[in-house]
Amino acid sequence: MERHERFGSANRVIQTGFWANGALMTMKLLAGHFGRSEAVFADGMESAADFIAIFSSMVALHIGRQPYDDQHPYGHGRAESIAAIIVSLVIFSTGGWILYRSAHTIIDRTYEVPGAVAVAAAFLTIIIKEALYRYSIGVGKHLGSPAILAAAKDHRKDAITSVSTLVGVTGAFFGLVILDPIAAGLTSFFIFHIGYETFMTAAHELMDGRPQDICVDDMIKLAEGVEGVEQVHELRCRRSGQYLIVDLKLDMDPQMTVRRSHAIATEVKKLIFERFNNVGDIMIHINPHEEEHEDLIRL
């Protein structure tokens, strides 16, 4: 997949979520206010927070698609991981706000009986958010995009939130008024969990952690299948936005000319690029095969 196609697909997913969240936010805030449901109104406030989070993802995608330059020789892909961190912090803040508001309502016993419009809004949100999650997670996994995967988790969080909201607002609609703030409070813990997962994934990537979705064995077999490569001495990779940066150490005949070893290394790179469309750059180091050598490293 070409660079412009990758970022075009990512941008469509983010924009779809952005406008869908805007519509859901307006619907839930109005339904929660006029339908007298704290859970639905809290859901609407959550969508407002999502609006900010998705906007940060859109900015990150715009920055991340910029090619490398003198100041950023590895590109700008890490902007997506930074955006995922921001999304996680927004998710945490939203969960805290919902938990505080629901606890305050229960302590003060300021219950209200919600209207049917609030029940309908919660039900509709579940359907829309689950559809957005399935769409986003499919594209996010295909592209390996941290920003889209974070947005997908946020959609799933909203779907789960709305299930809890639906149970609470329906129970309150039929007379069990305490269920509305209880549902809002329980929802906050789901939100905290998803915020934690999003944060840890983005932090792992920013710390150059090994990507979970990379097939190291396949890359090694591909490289060792090239004539002239005696053995893959070491393979390391890290994520930069939608792309992986790979470091390869290849053992070759110590008597081989520089020209020949360069041609073999180029062939290895071509094969990896063809097989793995999410690899953005490959750095190759040549070692003499079956000779003592020292790998200098200070990490």
Protein backbone atom coordinates (compact mmCIF):
# COMPACT_ATOMS: atom_id res chain seq x y z
CA MET A 1 0.00 0.00 0.00
CA GLU A 2 1.42 3.40 -1.02
CA ARG A 3 2.06 6.12 1.53
CA HIS A 4 -0.79 8.40 0.39
CA GLU A 5 -3.22 5.44 0.42
CA ARG A 6 -2.27 4.51 3.98
CA PHE A 7 -2.77 8.01 5.31
CA GLY A 8 -5.90 8.51 3.19
CA SER A 9 -7.49 5.42 4.77
CA ALA A 10 -6.46 6.53 8.24
CA ASN A 11 -7.83 10.01 7.68
CA ARG A 12 -11.22 8.66 6.54
CA VAL A 13 -11.55 6.57 9.70
CA ILE A 14 -10.67 9.48 11.98
CA GLN A 15 -12.99 11.92 10.20
CA THR A 16 -15.88 9.45 10.27
CA GLY A 17 -15.42 9.05 14.02
CA PHE A 18 -15.07 12.80 14.48
CA TRP A 19 -18.38 13.71 12.85
CA ALA A 20 -20.20 10.72 14.32
CA ASN A 21 -19.05 11.75 17.78
CA GLY A 22 -20.20 15.28 17.15
CA ALA A 23 -23.70 14.08 16.25
CA LEU A 24 -23.85 11.64 19.19
CA MET A 25 -22.58 14.29 21.60
CA THR A 26 -25.36 16.69 20.59
CA MET A 27 -28.01 13.96 20.72
CA LYS A 28 -26.98 12.64 24.16
CA LEU A 29 -26.57 16.03 25.79
CA LEU A 30 -30.03 17.06 24.63
CA ALA A 31 -31.59 13.69 25.48
CA GLY A 32 -29.90 13.63 28.90
CA HIS A 33 -30.99 17.16 29.72
CA PHE A 34 -34.56 17.02 28.50
CA GLY A 35 -34.96 13.33 29.37
CA ARG A 36 -33.69 13.95 32.94
CA SER A 37 -31.04 11.22 32.81
CA GLU A 38 -27.71 11.77 34.51
CA ALA A 39 -26.25 8.66 32.88
CA VAL A 40 -27.15 9.78 29.36
CA PHE A 41 -25.98 13.34 30.00
CA ALA A 42 -22.67 11.96 31.35
CA ASP A 43 -22.44 9.88 28.19
CA GLY A 44 -22.85 13.08 26.21
CA MET A 45 -20.07 14.76 28.15
CA GLU A 46 -17.90 11.75 27.42
CA SER A 47 -18.58 12.21 23.72
CA ALA A 48 -17.53 15.85 24.10
CA ALA A 49 -14.21 14.63 25.53
CA ASP A 50 -13.95 12.18 22.63
CA PHE A 51 -14.40 15.10 20.27
CA ILE A 52 -11.22 16.62 21.67
CA ALA A 53 -9.39 13.28 21.61
CA ILE A 54 -10.28 12.53 18.00
CA PHE A 55 -9.30 16.05 16.98
CA SER A 56 -5.86 15.41 18.49
CA SER A 57 -5.66 12.20 16.45
CA MET A 58 -6.49 14.14 13.28
CA VAL A 59 -3.70 16.60 14.04
CA ALA A 60 -1.32 13.69 14.75
CA LEU A 61 -2.13 12.03 11.43
CA HIS A 62 -1.49 15.30 9.62
CA ILE A 63 1.88 15.65 11.34
CA GLY A 64 2.73 11.95 11.03
CA ARG A 65 2.25 11.85 7.27
CA GLN A 66 4.99 14.43 6.75
CA PRO A 67 8.16 12.84 5.29
CA TYR A 68 11.45 12.80 7.17
CA ASP A 69 13.56 15.95 7.29
CA ASP A 70 16.88 17.11 8.74
CA GLN A 71 15.39 17.63 12.19
CA HIS A 72 13.38 14.38 12.15
CA PRO A 73 15.46 11.81 10.21
CA TYR A 74 13.13 8.98 11.26
CA GLY A 75 9.98 10.78 10.14
CA HIS A 76 7.13 12.16 12.24
CA GLY A 77 5.24 8.94 13.00
CA ARG A 78 5.69 9.23 16.76
CA ALA A 79 3.12 12.03 16.69
CA GLU A 80 0.48 9.26 16.59
CA SER A 81 1.77 7.69 19.81
CA ILE A 82 1.79 11.12 21.46
CA ALA A 83 -1.82 11.58 20.33
CA ALA A 84 -2.68 8.18 21.85
CA ILE A 85 -1.22 9.39 25.17
CA ILE A 86 -3.41 12.50 24.97
CA VAL A 87 -6.44 10.33 24.19
CA SER A 88 -5.72 8.16 27.24
CA LEU A 89 -5.48 11.20 29.51
CA VAL A 90 -8.80 12.52 28.17
CA ILE A 91 -10.35 9.08 28.83
CA PHE A 92 -9.02 9.08 32.41
CA SER A 93 -10.33 12.61 33.03
CA THR A 94 -13.75 11.70 31.64
CA GLY A 95 -13.96 8.63 33.88
CA GLY A 96 -13.05 10.69 36.93
CA TRP A 97 -15.64 13.33 36.13
CA ILE A 98 -18.41 10.73 35.64
CA LEU A 99 -17.50 8.89 38.87
CA TYR A 100 -17.53 12.13 40.88
CA ARG A 101 -20.87 13.28 39.48
CA SER A 102 -22.62 9.93 40.02
CA ALA A 103 -21.28 9.60 43.59
CA HIS A 104 -22.47 13.13 44.34
CA THR A 105 -25.98 12.32 43.09
CA ILE A 106 -26.23 9.16 45.20
CA ILE A 107 -24.96 10.90 48.35
CA ASP A 108 -27.32 13.87 47.89
CA ARG A 109 -30.21 11.60 46.75
CA THR A 110 -31.08 13.98 43.94
CA TYR A 111 -32.67 11.32 41.72
CA GLU A 112 -34.91 11.97 38.75
CA VAL A 113 -37.06 9.68 36.60
CA PRO A 114 -35.68 9.74 33.04
CA GLY A 115 -37.86 10.02 29.95
CA ALA A 116 -38.18 7.61 27.03
CA VAL A 117 -35.98 9.84 24.85
CA ALA A 118 -33.05 9.09 27.17
CA VAL A 119 -33.58 5.33 26.78
CA ALA A 120 -33.72 5.67 22.99
CA ALA A 121 -30.54 7.75 22.91
CA ALA A 122 -28.61 5.13 24.91
CA PHE A 123 -29.82 2.32 22.64
CA LEU A 124 -28.94 4.18 19.45
CA THR A 125 -25.48 5.03 20.78
CA ILE A 126 -24.67 1.34 21.32
CA ILE A 127 -25.44 0.48 17.71
CA ILE A 128 -23.53 3.40 16.20
CA LYS A 129 -20.49 3.07 18.45
CA GLU A 130 -20.11 -0.67 17.96
CA ALA A 131 -20.27 -0.15 14.18
CA LEU A 132 -17.59 2.56 14.43
CA TYR A 133 -15.42 0.27 16.57
CA ARG A 134 -15.55 -2.60 14.08
CA TYR A 135 -14.77 -0.27 11.18
CA SER A 136 -11.90 1.47 13.00
CA ILE A 137 -10.27 -1.63 14.50
CA GLY A 138 -10.21 -3.33 11.08
CA VAL A 139 -8.45 -0.42 9.39
CA GLY A 140 -6.26 0.26 12.43
CA LYS A 141 -4.91 -3.29 12.54
CA HIS A 142 -4.38 -3.34 8.78
CA LEU A 143 -2.37 -0.11 8.88
CA GLY A 144 -0.80 -0.67 12.28
CA SER A 145 -1.79 2.87 13.27
CA PRO A 146 -1.56 3.73 17.01
CA ALA A 147 -3.87 6.72 16.60
CA ILE A 148 -6.61 4.70 14.86
CA LEU A 149 -6.30 1.78 17.28
CA ALA A 150 -6.63 4.24 20.18
CA ALA A 151 -9.70 5.77 18.53
CA ALA A 152 -11.15 2.27 17.99
CA LYS A 153 -10.70 1.45 21.69
CA ASP A 154 -12.41 4.71 22.49
CA HIS A 155 -15.40 3.69 20.33
CA ARG A 156 -15.57 0.30 22.11
CA LYS A 157 -15.39 2.13 25.44
CA ASP A 158 -18.38 4.22 24.37
CA ALA A 159 -20.33 1.12 23.32
CA ILE A 160 -19.68 -0.52 26.70
CA THR A 161 -20.51 2.71 28.47
CA SER A 162 -23.81 2.94 26.65
CA VAL A 163 -24.74 -0.65 27.54
CA SER A 164 -24.34 0.23 31.20
CA THR A 165 -26.16 3.50 30.58
CA LEU A 166 -29.03 1.69 28.85
CA VAL A 167 -29.46 -0.72 31.76
CA GLY A 168 -29.41 2.10 34.28
CA VAL A 169 -31.69 4.50 32.43
CA THR A 170 -34.18 1.72 31.60
CA GLY A 171 -34.32 0.63 35.24
CA ALA A 172 -34.75 4.23 36.36
CA PHE A 173 -37.45 4.74 33.72
CA PHE A 174 -39.43 1.91 35.33
CA GLY A 175 -39.03 3.32 38.85
CA LEU A 176 -35.61 2.19 40.14
CA VAL A 177 -34.24 5.73 39.99
CA ILE A 178 -30.98 4.94 41.80
CA LEU A 179 -29.90 2.76 38.88
CA ASP A 180 -29.27 5.80 36.68
CA PRO A 181 -26.39 7.28 38.77
CA ILE A 182 -25.13 3.77 39.66
CA ALA A 183 -24.85 2.94 35.94
CA ALA A 184 -22.93 6.16 35.38
CA GLY A 185 -20.55 5.31 38.24
CA LEU A 186 -19.90 1.73 37.10
CA THR A 187 -19.24 2.97 33.61
CA SER A 188 -16.35 5.08 34.87
CA PHE A 189 -14.40 1.95 35.84
CA PHE A 190 -14.69 0.57 32.30
CA ILE A 191 -13.43 3.92 31.10
CA PHE A 192 -10.43 3.81 33.47
CA HIS A 193 -9.47 0.35 32.18
CA ILE A 194 -9.55 1.38 28.53
CA GLY A 195 -7.62 4.56 29.33
CA TYR A 196 -4.95 2.46 31.06
CA GLU A 197 -4.62 0.09 28.10
CA THR A 198 -4.36 2.96 25.63
CA PHE A 199 -1.74 4.73 27.75
CA MET A 200 0.42 1.63 28.25
CA THR A 201 0.39 0.76 24.54
CA ALA A 202 1.43 4.28 23.50
CA ALA A 203 4.07 4.48 26.25
CA HIS A 204 5.49 1.13 25.10
CA GLU A 205 5.87 2.48 21.58
CA LEU A 206 7.43 5.76 22.72
CA MET A 207 9.94 3.74 24.75
CA ASP A 208 10.92 1.83 21.59
CA GLY A 209 9.30 -1.34 22.86
CA ARG A 210 9.16 -4.31 20.52
CA PRO A 211 5.93 -4.19 18.45
CA GLN A 212 3.53 -7.01 19.31
CA ASP A 213 2.35 -7.57 15.75
CA ILE A 214 5.70 -8.11 14.04
CA CYS A 215 6.60 -11.54 12.65
CA VAL A 216 10.31 -11.66 13.47
CA ASP A 217 10.75 -15.27 12.34
CA ASP A 218 9.28 -14.48 8.91
CA MET A 219 11.66 -11.57 8.43
CA ILE A 220 14.64 -13.68 9.46
CA LYS A 221 13.70 -16.49 7.07
CA LEU A 222 13.22 -13.99 4.27
CA ALA A 223 16.65 -12.43 4.84
CA GLU A 224 18.44 -15.77 5.22
CA GLY A 225 16.87 -16.95 1.98
CA VAL A 226 18.89 -14.40 0.01
CA GLU A 227 22.02 -15.87 -1.56
CA GLY A 228 25.10 -14.56 0.21
CA VAL A 229 23.45 -14.13 3.62
CA GLU A 230 24.94 -16.80 5.87
CA GLN A 231 22.89 -15.92 8.93
CA VAL A 232 20.83 -13.16 10.52
CA HIS A 233 22.91 -12.19 13.54
CA GLU A 234 20.27 -9.93 15.10
CA LEU A 235 16.96 -8.28 14.23
CA ARG A 236 15.40 -5.42 16.15
CA CYS A 237 12.44 -3.23 15.30
CA ARG A 238 10.42 -0.39 16.75
CA ARG A 239 7.29 1.44 15.77
CA SER A 240 7.05 4.97 14.39
CA GLY A 241 3.38 5.71 13.77
CA GLN A 242 2.01 3.39 11.11
CA TYR A 243 5.47 2.15 10.13
CA LEU A 244 8.11 -0.14 11.61
CA ILE A 245 11.81 0.72 11.64
CA VAL A 246 13.93 -2.42 11.38
CA ASP A 247 17.60 -2.92 12.34
CA LEU A 248 19.26 -6.00 10.81
CA LYS A 249 22.70 -7.50 11.36
CA LEU A 250 23.70 -9.94 8.63
CA ASP A 251 26.60 -12.39 8.68
CA MET A 252 28.35 -12.67 5.29
CA ASP A 253 31.55 -14.03 3.79
CA PRO A 254 34.41 -11.86 5.18
CA GLN A 255 36.17 -11.97 1.79
CA MET A 256 33.17 -10.50 -0.02
CA THR A 257 33.64 -7.13 -1.72
CA VAL A 258 31.83 -4.05 -0.42
CA ARG A 259 29.99 -3.78 -3.73
CA ARG A 260 28.70 -7.38 -3.48
CA SER A 261 27.66 -7.09 0.18
CA HIS A 262 25.85 -3.84 -0.61
CA ALA A 263 23.94 -5.50 -3.45
CA ILE A 264 22.91 -8.38 -1.15
CA ALA A 265 21.80 -5.99 1.57
CA THR A 266 19.77 -4.05 -0.99
CA GLU A 267 18.09 -7.28 -2.13
CA VAL A 268 17.20 -8.11 1.50
CA LYS A 269 15.65 -4.67 1.92
CA LYS A 270 13.63 -5.00 -1.29
CA LEU A 271 12.22 -8.37 -0.24
CA ILE A 272 11.24 -7.13 3.23
CA PHE A 273 9.61 -4.01 1.80
CA GLU A 274 7.63 -6.15 -0.65
CA ARG A 275 6.53 -8.65 2.01
CA PHE A 276 5.81 -6.20 4.85
CA ASN A 277 4.02 -3.06 3.67
CA ASN A 278 4.16 -1.51 7.15
CA VAL A 279 7.98 -1.39 7.23
CA GLY A 280 9.16 2.17 6.70
CA ASP A 281 12.93 1.86 6.96
CA ILE A 282 15.57 -0.87 7.29
CA MET A 283 19.10 -0.34 8.58
CA ILE A 284 21.51 -3.18 7.76
CA HIS A 285 24.89 -3.88 9.36
CA ILE A 286 27.26 -6.47 7.90
CA ASN A 287 29.29 -8.85 10.11
CA PRO A 288 32.02 -11.28 9.00
CA HIS A 289 30.65 -14.82 9.18
CA GLU A 290 32.31 -17.24 11.62
CA GLU A 291 34.89 -14.69 12.73
CA GLU A 292 35.24 -13.13 16.14
CA HIS A 293 33.83 -9.61 16.21
CA GLU A 294 32.64 -7.23 18.84
CA ASP A 295 29.25 -5.53 18.73
CA LEU A 296 29.84 -2.11 20.21
CA ILE A 297 26.80 -0.84 22.11
CA ARG A 298 26.39 1.47 25.08
CA LEU A 299 22.72 0.87 25.96
